[in-house]
Amino acid sequence: MVKNKVEEEVIGSTAVTNIWNIFFRIVAVFAASGLSIIGAGSLVGIDTLTAVIMAGTLGVATVVEKLARAFLDDGKLSASEINAAFAPVDKKAG
């Protein structure tokens, strides 16, 4: 019995392209997470630079953890797994 299974794009032949895509998306996560906290840090007495770095690092850590868990699951990263990892930060990614 043959099952119809649609294969998703997996990091492989276009690995370099996907790696750069993930890298630049992670940079964007850092910027979006860090810049969104600028005003809040000053309200509670935290140095602006410290607040930006902490918020950006937390956003990046969340995404990297999800990517790592998806990779550990089957040793591959599909396009939907990559988008799912970025979805909490970028509502348009999922």
PDB file of N, CA and C in Angstrom:
ATOM      1  N   MET A   1       0.832  -1.168   0.000  1.00  0.00           N
ATOM      2  CA  MET A   1       0.000   0.000   0.000  1.00  0.00           C
ATOM      3  C   MET A   1       0.885   1.243   0.000  1.00  0.00           C
ATOM      4  N   VAL A   2       0.642   2.150  -0.902  1.00  0.00           N
ATOM      5  CA  VAL A   2       1.440   3.362  -1.031  1.00  0.00           C
ATOM      6  C   VAL A   2       0.661   4.525  -0.448  1.00  0.00           C
ATOM      7  N   LYS A   3       1.303   5.234   0.430  1.00  0.00           N
ATOM      8  CA  LYS A   3       0.669   6.410   1.026  1.00  0.00           C
ATOM      9  C   LYS A   3       1.114   7.649   0.271  1.00  0.00           C
ATOM     10  N   ASN A   4       0.194   8.539   0.049  1.00  0.00           N
ATOM     11  CA  ASN A   4       0.530   9.816  -0.580  1.00  0.00           C
ATOM     12  C   ASN A   4       1.054  10.744   0.498  1.00  0.00           C
ATOM     13  N   LYS A   5       2.308  11.084   0.391  1.00  0.00           N
ATOM     14  CA  LYS A   5       2.920  11.966   1.370  1.00  0.00           C
ATOM     15  C   LYS A   5       3.589  13.117   0.635  1.00  0.00           C
ATOM     16  N   VAL A   6       3.244  14.312   1.027  1.00  0.00           N
ATOM     17  CA  VAL A   6       3.837  15.496   0.416  1.00  0.00           C
ATOM     18  C   VAL A   6       5.112  15.801   1.178  1.00  0.00           C
ATOM     19  N   GLU A   7       6.224  15.825   0.481  1.00  0.00           N
ATOM     20  CA  GLU A   7       7.512  16.147   1.095  1.00  0.00           C
ATOM     21  C   GLU A   7       7.651  17.650   1.229  1.00  0.00           C
ATOM     22  N   GLU A   8       8.075  18.091   2.387  1.00  0.00           N
ATOM     23  CA  GLU A   8       8.344  19.501   2.601  1.00  0.00           C
ATOM     24  C   GLU A   8       9.775  19.803   2.210  1.00  0.00           C
ATOM     25  N   GLU A   9      10.008  21.077   1.896  1.00  0.00           N
ATOM     26  CA  GLU A   9      11.376  21.505   1.614  1.00  0.00           C
ATOM     27  C   GLU A   9      12.195  21.376   2.891  1.00  0.00           C
ATOM     28  N   VAL A  10      13.309  20.700   2.796  1.00  0.00           N
ATOM     29  CA  VAL A  10      14.172  20.461   3.941  1.00  0.00           C
ATOM     30  C   VAL A  10      15.532  21.061   3.645  1.00  0.00           C
ATOM     31  N   ILE A  11      16.203  21.534   4.694  1.00  0.00           N
ATOM     32  CA  ILE A  11      17.550  22.046   4.486  1.00  0.00           C
ATOM     33  C   ILE A  11      18.375  20.942   3.853  1.00  0.00           C
ATOM     34  N   GLY A  12      18.990  21.223   2.756  1.00  0.00           N
ATOM     35  CA  GLY A  12      19.758  20.220   2.030  1.00  0.00           C
ATOM     36  C   GLY A  12      20.487  20.884   0.885  1.00  0.00           C
ATOM     37  N   SER A  13      19.894  20.830  -0.294  1.00  0.00           N
ATOM     38  CA  SER A  13      20.553  21.395  -1.463  1.00  0.00           C
ATOM     39  C   SER A  13      20.649  22.919  -1.379  1.00  0.00           C
ATOM     40  N   THR A  14      19.752  23.520  -0.671  1.00  0.00           N
ATOM     41  CA  THR A  14      19.792  24.975  -0.514  1.00  0.00           C
ATOM     42  C   THR A  14      20.165  25.343   0.923  1.00  0.00           C
ATOM     43  N   ALA A  15      21.002  24.553   1.533  1.00  0.00           N
ATOM     44  CA  ALA A  15      21.350  24.740   2.945  1.00  0.00           C
ATOM     45  C   ALA A  15      21.944  26.120   3.212  1.00  0.00           C
ATOM     46  N   VAL A  16      22.829  26.577   2.355  1.00  0.00           N
ATOM     47  CA  VAL A  16      23.468  27.882   2.580  1.00  0.00           C
ATOM     48  C   VAL A  16      22.425  28.989   2.544  1.00  0.00           C
ATOM     49  N   THR A  17      21.509  28.920   1.603  1.00  0.00           N
ATOM     50  CA  THR A  17      20.441  29.923   1.518  1.00  0.00           C
ATOM     51  C   THR A  17      19.586  29.901   2.772  1.00  0.00           C
ATOM     52  N   ASN A  18      19.205  28.702   3.217  1.00  0.00           N
ATOM     53  CA  ASN A  18      18.383  28.588   4.418  1.00  0.00           C
ATOM     54  C   ASN A  18      19.126  29.058   5.664  1.00  0.00           C
ATOM     55  N   ILE A  19      20.407  28.776   5.754  1.00  0.00           N
ATOM     56  CA  ILE A  19      21.186  29.206   6.912  1.00  0.00           C
ATOM     57  C   ILE A  19      21.255  30.728   6.970  1.00  0.00           C
ATOM     58  N   TRP A  20      21.490  31.375   5.833  1.00  0.00           N
ATOM     59  CA  TRP A  20      21.520  32.842   5.810  1.00  0.00           C
ATOM     60  C   TRP A  20      20.141  33.408   6.137  1.00  0.00           C
ATOM     61  N   ASN A  21      19.096  32.761   5.624  1.00  0.00           N
ATOM     62  CA  ASN A  21      17.733  33.198   5.910  1.00  0.00           C
ATOM     63  C   ASN A  21      17.472  33.129   7.408  1.00  0.00           C
ATOM     64  N   ILE A  22      17.834  32.015   8.043  1.00  0.00           N
ATOM     65  CA  ILE A  22      17.652  31.855   9.486  1.00  0.00           C
ATOM     66  C   ILE A  22      18.493  32.888  10.240  1.00  0.00           C
ATOM     67  N   PHE A  23      19.735  33.079   9.825  1.00  0.00           N
ATOM     68  CA  PHE A  23      20.615  34.048  10.496  1.00  0.00           C
ATOM     69  C   PHE A  23      20.021  35.452  10.473  1.00  0.00           C
ATOM     70  N   PHE A  24      19.580  35.898   9.296  1.00  0.00           N
ATOM     71  CA  PHE A  24      19.044  37.256   9.194  1.00  0.00           C
ATOM     72  C   PHE A  24      17.708  37.385   9.922  1.00  0.00           C
ATOM     73  N   ARG A  25      16.926  36.310   9.953  1.00  0.00           N
ATOM     74  CA  ARG A  25      15.683  36.345  10.714  1.00  0.00           C
ATOM     75  C   ARG A  25      15.978  36.429  12.210  1.00  0.00           C
ATOM     76  N   ILE A  26      17.043  35.761  12.669  1.00  0.00           N
ATOM     77  CA  ILE A  26      17.428  35.840  14.080  1.00  0.00           C
ATOM     78  C   ILE A  26      17.885  37.262  14.421  1.00  0.00           C
ATOM     79  N   VAL A  27      18.636  37.885  13.522  1.00  0.00           N
ATOM     80  CA  VAL A  27      19.038  39.284  13.735  1.00  0.00           C
ATOM     81  C   VAL A  27      17.791  40.169  13.832  1.00  0.00           C
ATOM     82  N   ALA A  28      16.813  39.911  12.976  1.00  0.00           N
ATOM     83  CA  ALA A  28      15.570  40.689  13.017  1.00  0.00           C
ATOM     84  C   ALA A  28      14.813  40.450  14.320  1.00  0.00           C
ATOM     85  N   VAL A  29      14.826  39.221  14.822  1.00  0.00           N
ATOM     86  CA  VAL A  29      14.189  38.917  16.108  1.00  0.00           C
ATOM     87  C   VAL A  29      14.859  39.718  17.213  1.00  0.00           C
ATOM     88  N   PHE A  30      16.197  39.756  17.202  1.00  0.00           N
ATOM     89  CA  PHE A  30      16.924  40.522  18.217  1.00  0.00           C
ATOM     90  C   PHE A  30      16.517  41.988  18.163  1.00  0.00           C
ATOM     91  N   ALA A  31      16.484  42.543  16.956  1.00  0.00           N
ATOM     92  CA  ALA A  31      16.135  43.960  16.801  1.00  0.00           C
ATOM     93  C   ALA A  31      14.692  44.225  17.240  1.00  0.00           C
ATOM     94  N   ALA A  32      13.768  43.395  16.793  1.00  0.00           N
ATOM     95  CA  ALA A  32      12.357  43.612  17.137  1.00  0.00           C
ATOM     96  C   ALA A  32      12.121  43.453  18.633  1.00  0.00           C
ATOM     97  N   SER A  33      12.720  42.436  19.225  1.00  0.00           N
ATOM     98  CA  SER A  33      12.541  42.206  20.659  1.00  0.00           C
ATOM     99  C   SER A  33      13.225  43.298  21.480  1.00  0.00           C
ATOM    100  N   GLY A  34      14.412  43.685  21.073  1.00  0.00           N
ATOM    101  CA  GLY A  34      15.163  44.697  21.810  1.00  0.00           C
ATOM    102  C   GLY A  34      14.550  46.072  21.718  1.00  0.00           C
ATOM    103  N   LEU A  35      14.146  46.460  20.524  1.00  0.00           N
ATOM    104  CA  LEU A  35      13.607  47.808  20.338  1.00  0.00           C
ATOM    105  C   LEU A  35      12.238  47.975  20.974  1.00  0.00           C
ATOM    106  N   SER A  36      11.506  46.889  21.124  1.00  0.00           N
ATOM    107  CA  SER A  36      10.172  46.998  21.701  1.00  0.00           C
ATOM    108  C   SER A  36      10.205  47.278  23.199  1.00  0.00           C
ATOM    109  N   ILE A  37      11.349  47.120  23.831  1.00  0.00           N
ATOM    110  CA  ILE A  37      11.455  47.249  25.288  1.00  0.00           C
ATOM    111  C   ILE A  37      12.134  48.555  25.720  1.00  0.00           C
ATOM    112  N   ILE A  38      12.555  49.373  24.797  1.00  0.00           N
ATOM    113  CA  ILE A  38      13.322  50.581  25.139  1.00  0.00           C
ATOM    114  C   ILE A  38      12.612  51.444  26.181  1.00  0.00           C
ATOM    115  N   GLY A  39      11.363  51.758  25.975  1.00  0.00           N
ATOM    116  CA  GLY A  39      10.643  52.619  26.914  1.00  0.00           C
ATOM    117  C   GLY A  39      10.385  51.952  28.249  1.00  0.00           C
ATOM    118  N   ALA A  40      10.078  50.669  28.234  1.00  0.00           N
ATOM    119  CA  ALA A  40       9.744  49.964  29.472  1.00  0.00           C
ATOM    120  C   ALA A  40      10.940  49.886  30.417  1.00  0.00           C
ATOM    121  N   GLY A  41      12.138  49.721  29.886  1.00  0.00           N
ATOM    122  CA  GLY A  41      13.328  49.645  30.730  1.00  0.00           C
ATOM    123  C   GLY A  41      13.557  50.916  31.516  1.00  0.00           C
ATOM    124  N   SER A  42      13.320  52.044  30.888  1.00  0.00           N
ATOM    125  CA  SER A  42      13.544  53.314  31.580  1.00  0.00           C
ATOM    126  C   SER A  42      12.518  53.555  32.682  1.00  0.00           C
ATOM    127  N   LEU A  43      11.350  52.982  32.537  1.00  0.00           N
ATOM    128  CA  LEU A  43      10.313  53.162  33.555  1.00  0.00           C
ATOM    129  C   LEU A  43      10.661  52.472  34.859  1.00  0.00           C
ATOM    130  N   VAL A  44      11.399  51.365  34.787  1.00  0.00           N
ATOM    131  CA  VAL A  44      11.733  50.621  36.007  1.00  0.00           C
ATOM    132  C   VAL A  44      13.175  50.841  36.432  1.00  0.00           C
ATOM    133  N   GLY A  45      13.879  51.763  35.784  1.00  0.00           N
ATOM    134  CA  GLY A  45      15.219  52.126  36.210  1.00  0.00           C
ATOM    135  C   GLY A  45      16.334  51.253  35.667  1.00  0.00           C
ATOM    136  N   ILE A  46      16.089  50.542  34.573  1.00  0.00           N
ATOM    137  CA  ILE A  46      17.129  49.718  33.951  1.00  0.00           C
ATOM    138  C   ILE A  46      17.767  50.528  32.833  1.00  0.00           C
ATOM    139  N   ASP A  47      19.079  50.463  32.737  1.00  0.00           N
ATOM    140  CA  ASP A  47      19.806  51.130  31.665  1.00  0.00           C
ATOM    141  C   ASP A  47      19.240  50.686  30.317  1.00  0.00           C
ATOM    142  N   THR A  48      19.079  51.613  29.384  1.00  0.00           N
ATOM    143  CA  THR A  48      18.464  51.313  28.095  1.00  0.00           C
ATOM    144  C   THR A  48      19.210  50.227  27.342  1.00  0.00           C
ATOM    145  N   LEU A  49      20.535  50.324  27.276  1.00  0.00           N
ATOM    146  CA  LEU A  49      21.321  49.331  26.550  1.00  0.00           C
ATOM    147  C   LEU A  49      21.163  47.942  27.170  1.00  0.00           C
ATOM    148  N   THR A  50      21.159  47.868  28.483  1.00  0.00           N
ATOM    149  CA  THR A  50      20.981  46.592  29.173  1.00  0.00           C
ATOM    150  C   THR A  50      19.610  46.000  28.878  1.00  0.00           C
ATOM    151  N   ALA A  51      18.578  46.838  28.879  1.00  0.00           N
ATOM    152  CA  ALA A  51      17.219  46.370  28.592  1.00  0.00           C
ATOM    153  C   ALA A  51      17.110  45.833  27.176  1.00  0.00           C
ATOM    154  N   VAL A  52      17.702  46.531  26.208  1.00  0.00           N
ATOM    155  CA  VAL A  52      17.657  46.104  24.807  1.00  0.00           C
ATOM    156  C   VAL A  52      18.388  44.776  24.640  1.00  0.00           C
ATOM    157  N   ILE A  53      19.570  44.657  25.225  1.00  0.00           N
ATOM    158  CA  ILE A  53      20.355  43.429  25.092  1.00  0.00           C
ATOM    159  C   ILE A  53      19.630  42.253  25.746  1.00  0.00           C
ATOM    160  N   MET A  54      19.060  42.464  26.916  1.00  0.00           N
ATOM    161  CA  MET A  54      18.354  41.378  27.600  1.00  0.00           C
ATOM    162  C   MET A  54      17.121  40.930  26.825  1.00  0.00           C
ATOM    163  N   ALA A  55      16.332  41.873  26.345  1.00  0.00           N
ATOM    164  CA  ALA A  55      15.119  41.528  25.602  1.00  0.00           C
ATOM    165  C   ALA A  55      15.461  40.858  24.274  1.00  0.00           C
ATOM    166  N   GLY A  56      16.464  41.387  23.572  1.00  0.00           N
ATOM    167  CA  GLY A  56      16.874  40.784  22.299  1.00  0.00           C
ATOM    168  C   GLY A  56      17.417  39.386  22.478  1.00  0.00           C
ATOM    169  N   THR A  57      18.219  39.191  23.505  1.00  0.00           N
ATOM    170  CA  THR A  57      18.791  37.871  23.768  1.00  0.00           C
ATOM    171  C   THR A  57      17.704  36.873  24.139  1.00  0.00           C
ATOM    172  N   LEU A  58      16.730  37.282  24.910  1.00  0.00           N
ATOM    173  CA  LEU A  58      15.638  36.391  25.274  1.00  0.00           C
ATOM    174  C   LEU A  58      14.835  35.969  24.044  1.00  0.00           C
ATOM    175  N   GLY A  59      14.552  36.907  23.143  1.00  0.00           N
ATOM    176  CA  GLY A  59      13.832  36.573  21.914  1.00  0.00           C
ATOM    177  C   GLY A  59      14.611  35.599  21.050  1.00  0.00           C
ATOM    178  N   VAL A  60      15.908  35.834  20.906  1.00  0.00           N
ATOM    179  CA  VAL A  60      16.761  34.951  20.106  1.00  0.00           C
ATOM    180  C   VAL A  60      16.853  33.566  20.753  1.00  0.00           C
ATOM    181  N   ALA A  61      17.002  33.524  22.067  1.00  0.00           N
ATOM    182  CA  ALA A  61      17.104  32.234  22.761  1.00  0.00           C
ATOM    183  C   ALA A  61      15.842  31.403  22.561  1.00  0.00           C
ATOM    184  N   THR A  62      14.695  32.033  22.580  1.00  0.00           N
ATOM    185  CA  THR A  62      13.438  31.317  22.360  1.00  0.00           C
ATOM    186  C   THR A  62      13.406  30.681  20.976  1.00  0.00           C
ATOM    187  N   VAL A  63      13.788  31.437  19.956  1.00  0.00           N
ATOM    188  CA  VAL A  63      13.770  30.931  18.583  1.00  0.00           C
ATOM    189  C   VAL A  63      14.812  29.825  18.394  1.00  0.00           C
ATOM    190  N   VAL A  64      16.024  30.028  18.898  1.00  0.00           N
ATOM    191  CA  VAL A  64      17.086  29.034  18.734  1.00  0.00           C
ATOM    192  C   VAL A  64      16.709  27.734  19.445  1.00  0.00           C
ATOM    193  N   GLU A  65      16.085  27.831  20.601  1.00  0.00           N
ATOM    194  CA  GLU A  65      15.651  26.624  21.304  1.00  0.00           C
ATOM    195  C   GLU A  65      14.630  25.844  20.476  1.00  0.00           C
ATOM    196  N   LYS A  66      13.669  26.536  19.886  1.00  0.00           N
ATOM    197  CA  LYS A  66      12.656  25.857  19.066  1.00  0.00           C
ATOM    198  C   LYS A  66      13.281  25.226  17.821  1.00  0.00           C
ATOM    199  N   LEU A  67      14.239  25.908  17.200  1.00  0.00           N
ATOM    200  CA  LEU A  67      14.933  25.329  16.051  1.00  0.00           C
ATOM    201  C   LEU A  67      15.714  24.088  16.453  1.00  0.00           C
ATOM    202  N   ALA A  68      16.387  24.153  17.589  1.00  0.00           N
ATOM    203  CA  ALA A  68      17.167  23.010  18.065  1.00  0.00           C
ATOM    204  C   ALA A  68      16.266  21.822  18.370  1.00  0.00           C
ATOM    205  N   ARG A  69      15.137  22.060  19.009  1.00  0.00           N
ATOM    206  CA  ARG A  69      14.218  20.965  19.322  1.00  0.00           C
ATOM    207  C   ARG A  69      13.638  20.342  18.053  1.00  0.00           C
ATOM    208  N   ALA A  70      13.316  21.172  17.058  1.00  0.00           N
ATOM    209  CA  ALA A  70      12.795  20.646  15.794  1.00  0.00           C
ATOM    210  C   ALA A  70      13.858  19.815  15.078  1.00  0.00           C
ATOM    211  N   PHE A  71      15.106  20.256  15.132  1.00  0.00           N
ATOM    212  CA  PHE A  71      16.194  19.518  14.492  1.00  0.00           C
ATOM    213  C   PHE A  71      16.453  18.201  15.218  1.00  0.00           C
ATOM    214  N   LEU A  72      16.400  18.223  16.534  1.00  0.00           N
ATOM    215  CA  LEU A  72      16.622  17.003  17.308  1.00  0.00           C
ATOM    216  C   LEU A  72      15.547  15.956  17.053  1.00  0.00           C
ATOM    217  N   ASP A  73      14.367  16.400  16.701  1.00  0.00           N
ATOM    218  CA  ASP A  73      13.259  15.486  16.475  1.00  0.00           C
ATOM    219  C   ASP A  73      13.554  14.475  15.373  1.00  0.00           C
ATOM    220  N   ASP A  74      14.067  14.946  14.223  1.00  0.00           N
ATOM    221  CA  ASP A  74      14.331  14.033  13.100  1.00  0.00           C
ATOM    222  C   ASP A  74      15.620  14.329  12.341  1.00  0.00           C
ATOM    223  N   GLY A  75      16.412  15.260  12.815  1.00  0.00           N
ATOM    224  CA  GLY A  75      17.681  15.582  12.156  1.00  0.00           C
ATOM    225  C   GLY A  75      17.528  16.445  10.921  1.00  0.00           C
ATOM    226  N   LYS A  76      16.341  17.020  10.718  1.00  0.00           N
ATOM    227  CA  LYS A  76      16.094  17.877   9.559  1.00  0.00           C
ATOM    228  C   LYS A  76      15.273  19.075  10.009  1.00  0.00           C
ATOM    229  N   LEU A  77      15.403  20.141   9.253  1.00  0.00           N
ATOM    230  CA  LEU A  77      14.562  21.310   9.481  1.00  0.00           C
ATOM    231  C   LEU A  77      13.765  21.580   8.213  1.00  0.00           C
ATOM    232  N   SER A  78      12.459  21.451   8.306  1.00  0.00           N
ATOM    233  CA  SER A  78      11.613  21.763   7.160  1.00  0.00           C
ATOM    234  C   SER A  78      11.248  23.241   7.208  1.00  0.00           C
ATOM    235  N   ALA A  79      10.722  23.729   6.106  1.00  0.00           N
ATOM    236  CA  ALA A  79      10.323  25.133   6.044  1.00  0.00           C
ATOM    237  C   ALA A  79       9.242  25.428   7.078  1.00  0.00           C
ATOM    238  N   SER A  80       8.322  24.496   7.285  1.00  0.00           N
ATOM    239  CA  SER A  80       7.264  24.739   8.269  1.00  0.00           C
ATOM    240  C   SER A  80       7.810  24.730   9.695  1.00  0.00           C
ATOM    241  N   GLU A  81       8.829  23.909   9.970  1.00  0.00           N
ATOM    242  CA  GLU A  81       9.451  23.910  11.294  1.00  0.00           C
ATOM    243  C   GLU A  81      10.187  25.217  11.549  1.00  0.00           C
ATOM    244  N   ILE A  82      10.861  25.721  10.536  1.00  0.00           N
ATOM    245  CA  ILE A  82      11.565  27.004  10.668  1.00  0.00           C
ATOM    246  C   ILE A  82      10.559  28.125  10.914  1.00  0.00           C
ATOM    247  N   ASN A  83       9.495  28.146  10.127  1.00  0.00           N
ATOM    248  CA  ASN A  83       8.473  29.181  10.309  1.00  0.00           C
ATOM    249  C   ASN A  83       7.797  29.064  11.666  1.00  0.00           C
ATOM    250  N   ALA A  84       7.569  27.841  12.138  1.00  0.00           N
ATOM    251  CA  ALA A  84       6.940  27.645  13.443  1.00  0.00           C
ATOM    252  C   ALA A  84       7.834  28.165  14.570  1.00  0.00           C
ATOM    253  N   ALA A  85       9.137  28.034  14.411  1.00  0.00           N
ATOM    254  CA  ALA A  85      10.053  28.538  15.432  1.00  0.00           C
ATOM    255  C   ALA A  85      10.015  30.055  15.534  1.00  0.00           C
ATOM    256  N   PHE A  86       9.801  30.724  14.406  1.00  0.00           N
ATOM    257  CA  PHE A  86       9.760  32.183  14.396  1.00  0.00           C
ATOM    258  C   PHE A  86       8.358  32.739  14.652  1.00  0.00           C
ATOM    259  N   ALA A  87       7.338  31.898  14.622  1.00  0.00           N
ATOM    260  CA  ALA A  87       5.961  32.341  14.750  1.00  0.00           C
ATOM    261  C   ALA A  87       5.658  33.117  16.035  1.00  0.00           C
ATOM    262  N   PRO A  88       6.207  32.719  17.200  1.00  0.00           N
ATOM    263  CA  PRO A  88       5.876  33.504  18.409  1.00  0.00           C
ATOM    264  C   PRO A  88       6.368  34.958  18.336  1.00  0.00           C
ATOM    265  N   VAL A  89       7.417  35.191  17.587  1.00  0.00           N
ATOM    266  CA  VAL A  89       7.983  36.530  17.483  1.00  0.00           C
ATOM    267  C   VAL A  89       7.387  37.263  16.280  1.00  0.00           C
ATOM    268  N   ASP A  90       7.195  36.528  15.185  1.00  0.00           N
ATOM    269  CA  ASP A  90       6.680  37.111  13.945  1.00  0.00           C
ATOM    270  C   ASP A  90       5.349  36.442  13.624  1.00  0.00           C
ATOM    271  N   LYS A  91       4.265  37.103  13.902  1.00  0.00           N
ATOM    272  CA  LYS A  91       2.947  36.508  13.706  1.00  0.00           C
ATOM    273  C   LYS A  91       2.668  36.163  12.243  1.00  0.00           C
ATOM    274  N   LYS A  92       3.382  36.768  11.287  1.00  0.00           N
ATOM    275  CA  LYS A  92       3.174  36.487   9.871  1.00  0.00           C
ATOM    276  C   LYS A  92       3.978  35.269   9.404  1.00  0.00           C
ATOM    277  N   ALA A  93       4.900  34.758  10.218  1.00  0.00           N
ATOM    278  CA  ALA A  93       5.754  33.629   9.810  1.00  0.00           C
ATOM    279  C   ALA A  93       4.995  32.330   9.791  1.00  0.00           C
ATOM    280  N   GLY A  94       4.041  32.139  10.665  1.00  0.00           N
ATOM    281  CA  GLY A  94       3.310  30.878  10.772  1.00  0.00           C
ATOM    282  C   GLY A  94       2.168  30.871   9.869  1.00  0.00           C
TER     283      GLY A  94
END
